[in-house]
All heavy atoms as atom14 arrays in JSON, in Angstrom:
{
  "sequence": "PEHVVIQHQQQGGKHVGSKKVAVAFLHTDAYTFA",
  "atom14_mask": [
    [1, 1, 1, 1, 1, 1, 1, 0, 0, 0, 0, 0, 0, 0],
    [1, 1, 1, 1, 1, 1, 1, 1, 1, 0, 0, 0, 0, 0],
    [1, 1, 1, 1, 1, 1, 1, 1, 1, 1, 0, 0, 0, 0],
    [1, 1, 1, 1, 1, 1, 1, 0, 0, 0, 0, 0, 0, 0],
    [1, 1, 1, 1, 1, 1, 1, 0, 0, 0, 0, 0, 0, 0],
    [1, 1, 1, 1, 1, 1, 1, 1, 0, 0, 0, 0, 0, 0],
    [1, 1, 1, 1, 1, 1, 1, 1, 1, 0, 0, 0, 0, 0],
    [1, 1, 1, 1, 1, 1, 1, 1, 1, 1, 0, 0, 0, 0],
    [1, 1, 1, 1, 1, 1, 1, 1, 1, 0, 0, 0, 0, 0],
    [1, 1, 1, 1, 1, 1, 1, 1, 1, 0, 0, 0, 0, 0],
    [1, 1, 1, 1, 1, 1, 1, 1, 1, 0, 0, 0, 0, 0],
    [1, 1, 1, 1, 0, 0, 0, 0, 0, 0, 0, 0, 0, 0],
    [1, 1, 1, 1, 0, 0, 0, 0, 0, 0, 0, 0, 0, 0],
    [1, 1, 1, 1, 1, 1, 1, 1, 1, 0, 0, 0, 0, 0],
    [1, 1, 1, 1, 1, 1, 1, 1, 1, 1, 0, 0, 0, 0],
    [1, 1, 1, 1, 1, 1, 1, 0, 0, 0, 0, 0, 0, 0],
    [1, 1, 1, 1, 0, 0, 0, 0, 0, 0, 0, 0, 0, 0],
    [1, 1, 1, 1, 1, 1, 0, 0, 0, 0, 0, 0, 0, 0],
    [1, 1, 1, 1, 1, 1, 1, 1, 1, 0, 0, 0, 0, 0],
    [1, 1, 1, 1, 1, 1, 1, 1, 1, 0, 0, 0, 0, 0],
    [1, 1, 1, 1, 1, 1, 1, 0, 0, 0, 0, 0, 0, 0],
    [1, 1, 1, 1, 1, 0, 0, 0, 0, 0, 0, 0, 0, 0],
    [1, 1, 1, 1, 1, 1, 1, 0, 0, 0, 0, 0, 0, 0],
    [1, 1, 1, 1, 1, 0, 0, 0, 0, 0, 0, 0, 0, 0],
    [1, 1, 1, 1, 1, 1, 1, 1, 1, 1, 1, 0, 0, 0],
    [1, 1, 1, 1, 1, 1, 1, 1, 0, 0, 0, 0, 0, 0],
    [1, 1, 1, 1, 1, 1, 1, 1, 1, 1, 0, 0, 0, 0],
    [1, 1, 1, 1, 1, 1, 1, 0, 0, 0, 0, 0, 0, 0],
    [1, 1, 1, 1, 1, 1, 1, 1, 0, 0, 0, 0, 0, 0],
    [1, 1, 1, 1, 1, 0, 0, 0, 0, 0, 0, 0, 0, 0],
    [1, 1, 1, 1, 1, 1, 1, 1, 1, 1, 1, 1, 0, 0],
    [1, 1, 1, 1, 1, 1, 1, 0, 0, 0, 0, 0, 0, 0],
    [1, 1, 1, 1, 1, 1, 1, 1, 1, 1, 1, 0, 0, 0],
    [1, 1, 1, 1, 1, 0, 0, 0, 0, 0, 0, 0, 0, 0]
  ],
  "atom14_positions": [
    [[0.84, -1.2, 0.0], [0.0, 0.0, 0.0], [0.88, 1.25, 0.0], [2.0, 1.24, 0.54], [-0.8, -0.13, 1.31], [-0.77, -1.58, 1.63], [0.54, -2.09, 1.14], [0.0, 0.0, 0.0], [0.0, 0.0, 0.0], [0.0, 0.0, 0.0], [0.0, 0.0, 0.0], [0.0, 0.0, 0.0], [0.0, 0.0, 0.0], [0.0, 0.0, 0.0]],
    [[0.39, 2.31, -0.62], [1.11, 3.59, -0.59], [1.24, 4.04, 0.87], [0.26, 4.1, 1.6], [0.36, 4.65, -1.39], [0.25, 4.33, -2.88], [1.55, 4.51, -3.63], [2.45, 5.2, -3.08], [1.68, 3.96, -4.73], [0.0, 0.0, 0.0], [0.0, 0.0, 0.0], [0.0, 0.0, 0.0], [0.0, 0.0, 0.0], [0.0, 0.0, 0.0]],
    [[2.47, 4.35, 1.28], [2.68, 4.63, 2.71], [3.89, 5.53, 2.91], [4.69, 5.76, 2.01], [2.89, 3.33, 3.48], [4.23, 2.7, 3.21], [4.48, 1.96, 2.07], [5.41, 2.74, 3.9], [5.73, 1.54, 2.07], [6.33, 2.01, 3.16], [0.0, 0.0, 0.0], [0.0, 0.0, 0.0], [0.0, 0.0, 0.0], [0.0, 0.0, 0.0]],
    [[4.02, 6.02, 4.13], [5.19, 6.77, 4.57], [5.4, 6.46, 6.05], [4.43, 6.24, 6.79], [5.01, 8.29, 4.34], [3.86, 8.85, 5.18], [6.3, 9.05, 4.64], [0.0, 0.0, 0.0], [0.0, 0.0, 0.0], [0.0, 0.0, 0.0], [0.0, 0.0, 0.0], [0.0, 0.0, 0.0], [0.0, 0.0, 0.0], [0.0, 0.0, 0.0]],
    [[6.67, 6.41, 6.46], [7.02, 6.19, 7.86], [7.51, 7.51, 8.45], [8.42, 8.13, 7.9], [8.1, 5.1, 8.02], [8.45, 4.91, 9.49], [7.62, 3.79, 7.41], [0.0, 0.0, 0.0], [0.0, 0.0, 0.0], [0.0, 0.0, 0.0], [0.0, 0.0, 0.0], [0.0, 0.0, 0.0], [0.0, 0.0, 0.0], [0.0, 0.0, 0.0]],
    [[6.9, 7.91, 9.54], [7.27, 9.15, 10.23], [8.14, 8.78, 11.42], [7.69, 8.08, 12.33], [6.01, 9.91, 10.69], [5.08, 10.14, 9.51], [6.4, 11.24, 11.32], [3.71, 10.68, 9.9], [0.0, 0.0, 0.0], [0.0, 0.0, 0.0], [0.0, 0.0, 0.0], [0.0, 0.0, 0.0], [0.0, 0.0, 0.0], [0.0, 0.0, 0.0]],
    [[9.39, 9.23, 11.4], [10.35, 8.9, 12.45], [10.64, 10.14, 13.29], [10.93, 11.2, 12.74], [11.66, 8.38, 11.85], [11.51, 7.15, 10.98], [12.84, 6.68, 10.44], [13.88, 7.27, 10.68], [12.81, 5.6, 9.68], [0.0, 0.0, 0.0], [0.0, 0.0, 0.0], [0.0, 0.0, 0.0], [0.0, 0.0, 0.0], [0.0, 0.0, 0.0]],
    [[10.58, 9.96, 14.6], [10.83, 11.08, 15.51], [12.18, 10.9, 16.19], [12.58, 9.8, 16.52], [9.71, 11.19, 16.54], [8.4, 11.57, 15.93], [7.99, 12.88, 15.82], [7.45, 10.82, 15.34], [6.82, 12.91, 15.21], [6.47, 11.67, 14.91], [0.0, 0.0, 0.0], [0.0, 0.0, 0.0], [0.0, 0.0, 0.0], [0.0, 0.0, 0.0]],
    [[12.86, 12.02, 16.39], [14.2, 12.01, 16.94], [14.19, 12.46, 18.39], [13.39, 13.3, 18.81], [15.11, 12.95, 16.15], [15.38, 12.48, 14.72], [16.24, 13.48, 13.98], [15.93, 14.67, 13.96], [17.32, 13.0, 13.4], [0.0, 0.0, 0.0], [0.0, 0.0, 0.0], [0.0, 0.0, 0.0], [0.0, 0.0, 0.0], [0.0, 0.0, 0.0]],
    [[15.15, 11.87, 19.15], [15.45, 12.38, 20.48], [16.72, 13.21, 20.4], [17.37, 13.28, 19.36], [15.66, 11.22, 21.46], [14.36, 10.56, 21.93], [14.63, 9.59, 23.04], [15.68, 8.97, 23.09], [13.69, 9.46, 23.95], [0.0, 0.0, 0.0], [0.0, 0.0, 0.0], [0.0, 0.0, 0.0], [0.0, 0.0, 0.0], [0.0, 0.0, 0.0]],
    [[17.1, 13.83, 21.49], [18.35, 14.6, 21.51], [19.51, 13.66, 21.22], [19.56, 12.54, 21.72], [18.55, 15.27, 22.87], [17.55, 16.39, 23.12], [17.8, 17.09, 24.43], [18.64, 16.67, 25.22], [17.08, 18.17, 24.67], [0.0, 0.0, 0.0], [0.0, 0.0, 0.0], [0.0, 0.0, 0.0], [0.0, 0.0, 0.0], [0.0, 0.0, 0.0]],
    [[20.41, 14.12, 20.4], [21.53, 13.27, 20.01], [21.29, 12.59, 18.69], [22.16, 11.94, 18.15], [0.0, 0.0, 0.0], [0.0, 0.0, 0.0], [0.0, 0.0, 0.0], [0.0, 0.0, 0.0], [0.0, 0.0, 0.0], [0.0, 0.0, 0.0], [0.0, 0.0, 0.0], [0.0, 0.0, 0.0], [0.0, 0.0, 0.0], [0.0, 0.0, 0.0]],
    [[20.07, 12.72, 18.15], [19.79, 12.18, 16.83], [19.45, 10.72, 16.82], [19.34, 10.12, 15.76], [0.0, 0.0, 0.0], [0.0, 0.0, 0.0], [0.0, 0.0, 0.0], [0.0, 0.0, 0.0], [0.0, 0.0, 0.0], [0.0, 0.0, 0.0], [0.0, 0.0, 0.0], [0.0, 0.0, 0.0], [0.0, 0.0, 0.0], [0.0, 0.0, 0.0]],
    [[19.26, 10.07, 17.97], [18.92, 8.66, 18.0], [17.43, 8.46, 17.79], [16.62, 9.2, 18.3], [19.34, 8.04, 19.33], [20.84, 8.06, 19.57], [21.18, 7.41, 20.9], [22.69, 7.42, 21.14], [23.02, 6.82, 22.45], [0.0, 0.0, 0.0], [0.0, 0.0, 0.0], [0.0, 0.0, 0.0], [0.0, 0.0, 0.0], [0.0, 0.0, 0.0]],
    [[17.08, 7.42, 17.05], [15.69, 7.11, 16.78], [15.19, 6.12, 17.82], [15.86, 5.15, 18.15], [15.51, 6.53, 15.38], [15.81, 7.53, 14.31], [14.94, 8.52, 13.97], [16.9, 7.69, 13.52], [15.46, 9.26, 13.01], [16.65, 8.78, 12.73], [0.0, 0.0, 0.0], [0.0, 0.0, 0.0], [0.0, 0.0, 0.0], [0.0, 0.0, 0.0]],
    [[14.03, 6.35, 18.33], [13.42, 5.47, 19.3], [12.35, 4.65, 18.6], [11.51, 5.2, 17.88], [12.81, 6.27, 20.46], [12.13, 5.33, 21.46], [13.88, 7.09, 21.14], [0.0, 0.0, 0.0], [0.0, 0.0, 0.0], [0.0, 0.0, 0.0], [0.0, 0.0, 0.0], [0.0, 0.0, 0.0], [0.0, 0.0, 0.0], [0.0, 0.0, 0.0]],
    [[12.37, 3.32, 18.8], [11.45, 2.46, 18.08], [10.01, 2.82, 18.26], [9.23, 2.79, 17.32], [0.0, 0.0, 0.0], [0.0, 0.0, 0.0], [0.0, 0.0, 0.0], [0.0, 0.0, 0.0], [0.0, 0.0, 0.0], [0.0, 0.0, 0.0], [0.0, 0.0, 0.0], [0.0, 0.0, 0.0], [0.0, 0.0, 0.0], [0.0, 0.0, 0.0]],
    [[9.59, 3.15, 19.47], [8.19, 3.47, 19.73], [7.77, 4.78, 19.1], [6.59, 5.13, 19.12], [7.94, 3.52, 21.24], [8.73, 4.55, 21.82], [0.0, 0.0, 0.0], [0.0, 0.0, 0.0], [0.0, 0.0, 0.0], [0.0, 0.0, 0.0], [0.0, 0.0, 0.0], [0.0, 0.0, 0.0], [0.0, 0.0, 0.0], [0.0, 0.0, 0.0]],
    [[8.74, 5.52, 18.53], [8.45, 6.81, 17.92], [8.44, 6.75, 16.4], [8.75, 7.73, 15.73], [9.47, 7.85, 18.41], [9.42, 8.12, 19.9], [8.06, 8.65, 20.34], [8.08, 8.97, 21.83], [6.77, 9.47, 22.3], [0.0, 0.0, 0.0], [0.0, 0.0, 0.0], [0.0, 0.0, 0.0], [0.0, 0.0, 0.0], [0.0, 0.0, 0.0]],
    [[8.09, 5.59, 15.86], [7.94, 5.45, 14.41], [6.49, 5.11, 14.11], [5.92, 4.21, 14.72], [8.85, 4.35, 13.86], [10.34, 4.62, 13.99], [11.13, 3.48, 13.38], [12.62, 3.67, 13.55], [13.39, 2.54, 12.96], [0.0, 0.0, 0.0], [0.0, 0.0, 0.0], [0.0, 0.0, 0.0], [0.0, 0.0, 0.0], [0.0, 0.0, 0.0]],
    [[5.93, 5.83, 13.17], [4.54, 5.61, 12.78], [4.47, 5.46, 11.27], [4.98, 6.32, 10.53], [3.64, 6.79, 13.23], [2.19, 6.54, 12.81], [3.74, 7.0, 14.73], [0.0, 0.0, 0.0], [0.0, 0.0, 0.0], [0.0, 0.0, 0.0], [0.0, 0.0, 0.0], [0.0, 0.0, 0.0], [0.0, 0.0, 0.0], [0.0, 0.0, 0.0]],
    [[3.86, 4.37, 10.81], [3.66, 4.15, 9.37], [2.19, 4.41, 9.05], [1.31, 3.77, 9.62], [4.05, 2.74, 8.97], [0.0, 0.0, 0.0], [0.0, 0.0, 0.0], [0.0, 0.0, 0.0], [0.0, 0.0, 0.0], [0.0, 0.0, 0.0], [0.0, 0.0, 0.0], [0.0, 0.0, 0.0], [0.0, 0.0, 0.0], [0.0, 0.0, 0.0]],
    [[1.95, 5.34, 8.14], [0.59, 5.65, 7.7], [0.45, 5.2, 6.25], [1.26, 5.58, 5.4], [0.29, 7.16, 7.82], [-1.13, 7.46, 7.32], [0.46, 7.62, 9.26], [0.0, 0.0, 0.0], [0.0, 0.0, 0.0], [0.0, 0.0, 0.0], [0.0, 0.0, 0.0], [0.0, 0.0, 0.0], [0.0, 0.0, 0.0], [0.0, 0.0, 0.0]],
    [[-0.55, 4.38, 5.96], [-0.73, 3.81, 4.63], [-2.17, 3.98, 4.17], [-3.09, 4.13, 4.99], [-0.34, 2.34, 4.62], [0.0, 0.0, 0.0], [0.0, 0.0, 0.0], [0.0, 0.0, 0.0], [0.0, 0.0, 0.0], [0.0, 0.0, 0.0], [0.0, 0.0, 0.0], [0.0, 0.0, 0.0], [0.0, 0.0, 0.0], [0.0, 0.0, 0.0]],
    [[-2.37, 3.94, 2.85], [-3.71, 4.05, 2.26], [-3.92, 2.89, 1.3], [-3.03, 2.54, 0.52], [-3.85, 5.37, 1.49], [-3.61, 6.6, 2.35], [-2.37, 7.23, 2.35], [-4.62, 7.11, 3.15], [-2.14, 8.34, 3.13], [-4.4, 8.23, 3.93], [-3.15, 8.85, 3.93], [0.0, 0.0, 0.0], [0.0, 0.0, 0.0], [0.0, 0.0, 0.0]],
    [[-5.13, 2.32, 1.34], [-5.46, 1.21, 0.45], [-6.94, 1.33, 0.05], [-7.82, 0.7, 0.62], [-5.19, -0.14, 1.13], [-5.17, -1.37, 0.22], [-4.2, -1.2, -0.93], [-4.82, -2.63, 1.0], [0.0, 0.0, 0.0], [0.0, 0.0, 0.0], [0.0, 0.0, 0.0], [0.0, 0.0, 0.0], [0.0, 0.0, 0.0], [0.0, 0.0, 0.0]],
    [[-7.18, 2.16, -0.96], [-8.54, 2.38, -1.45], [-8.84, 1.54, -2.7], [-9.87, 1.74, -3.33], [-8.73, 3.86, -1.82], [-8.34, 4.82, -0.73], [-8.83, 4.73, 0.54], [-7.5, 5.89, -0.75], [-8.32, 5.72, 1.28], [-7.52, 6.43, 0.52], [0.0, 0.0, 0.0], [0.0, 0.0, 0.0], [0.0, 0.0, 0.0], [0.0, 0.0, 0.0]],
    [[-7.95, 0.63, -3.05], [-8.07, -0.1, -4.31], [-9.27, -1.05, -4.28], [-9.87, -1.32, -3.24], [-6.8, -0.92, -4.58], [-6.58, -1.81, -3.48], [-5.6, -0.01, -4.73], [0.0, 0.0, 0.0], [0.0, 0.0, 0.0], [0.0, 0.0, 0.0], [0.0, 0.0, 0.0], [0.0, 0.0, 0.0], [0.0, 0.0, 0.0], [0.0, 0.0, 0.0]],
    [[-9.58, -1.57, -5.48], [-10.69, -2.52, -5.6], [-10.32, -3.85, -4.94], [-9.17, -4.09, -4.55], [-11.03, -2.75, -7.07], [-9.82, -3.13, -7.89], [-9.31, -4.25, -7.7], [-9.35, -2.31, -8.72], [0.0, 0.0, 0.0], [0.0, 0.0, 0.0], [0.0, 0.0, 0.0], [0.0, 0.0, 0.0], [0.0, 0.0, 0.0], [0.0, 0.0, 0.0]],
    [[-11.31, -4.72, -4.81], [-11.12, -5.99, -4.11], [-10.05, -6.86, -4.76], [-9.37, -7.64, -4.07], [-12.44, -6.75, -4.04], [0.0, 0.0, 0.0], [0.0, 0.0, 0.0], [0.0, 0.0, 0.0], [0.0, 0.0, 0.0], [0.0, 0.0, 0.0], [0.0, 0.0, 0.0], [0.0, 0.0, 0.0], [0.0, 0.0, 0.0], [0.0, 0.0, 0.0]],
    [[-9.86, -6.72, -6.06], [-8.92, -7.57, -6.78], [-7.49, -7.37, -6.3], [-6.73, -8.32, -6.14], [-9.01, -7.28, -8.28], [-8.22, -8.22, -9.14], [-8.76, -9.43, -9.57], [-6.91, -7.89, -9.52], [-8.03, -10.3, -10.36], [-6.17, -8.76, -10.32], [-6.73, -9.96, -10.73], [-5.99, -10.82, -11.5], [0.0, 0.0, 0.0], [0.0, 0.0, 0.0]],
    [[-7.11, -6.12, -6.06], [-5.74, -5.83, -5.62], [-5.64, -5.6, -4.12], [-4.53, -5.51, -3.58], [-5.21, -4.57, -6.34], [-6.13, -3.49, -6.13], [-5.06, -4.82, -7.82], [0.0, 0.0, 0.0], [0.0, 0.0, 0.0], [0.0, 0.0, 0.0], [0.0, 0.0, 0.0], [0.0, 0.0, 0.0], [0.0, 0.0, 0.0], [0.0, 0.0, 0.0]],
    [[-6.77, -5.5, -3.44], [-6.76, -5.22, -2.0], [-6.1, -6.36, -1.22], [-5.2, -6.13, -0.4], [-8.18, -4.99, -1.49], [-8.27, -4.69, -0.02], [-8.17, -3.39, 0.44], [-8.42, -5.71, 0.92], [-8.24, -3.1, 1.8], [-8.49, -5.44, 2.27], [-8.4, -4.13, 2.72], [0.0, 0.0, 0.0], [0.0, 0.0, 0.0], [0.0, 0.0, 0.0]],
    [[-6.54, -7.59, -1.47], [-6.09, -8.73, -0.66], [-4.58, -8.94, -0.71], [-3.93, -9.06, 0.35], [-6.84, -10.0, -1.07], [0.0, 0.0, 0.0], [0.0, 0.0, 0.0], [0.0, 0.0, 0.0], [0.0, 0.0, 0.0], [0.0, 0.0, 0.0], [0.0, 0.0, 0.0], [0.0, 0.0, 0.0], [0.0, 0.0, 0.0], [0.0, 0.0, 0.0]]
  ]
}
């Protein structure tokens, strides 16, 4: 699905796992949805 991952930084530039969010869209027909 079309998507993007939003990553948030802490001080020092380290990424924290719980601070990643993937937002996706899937409006396609049933044929390609599954």
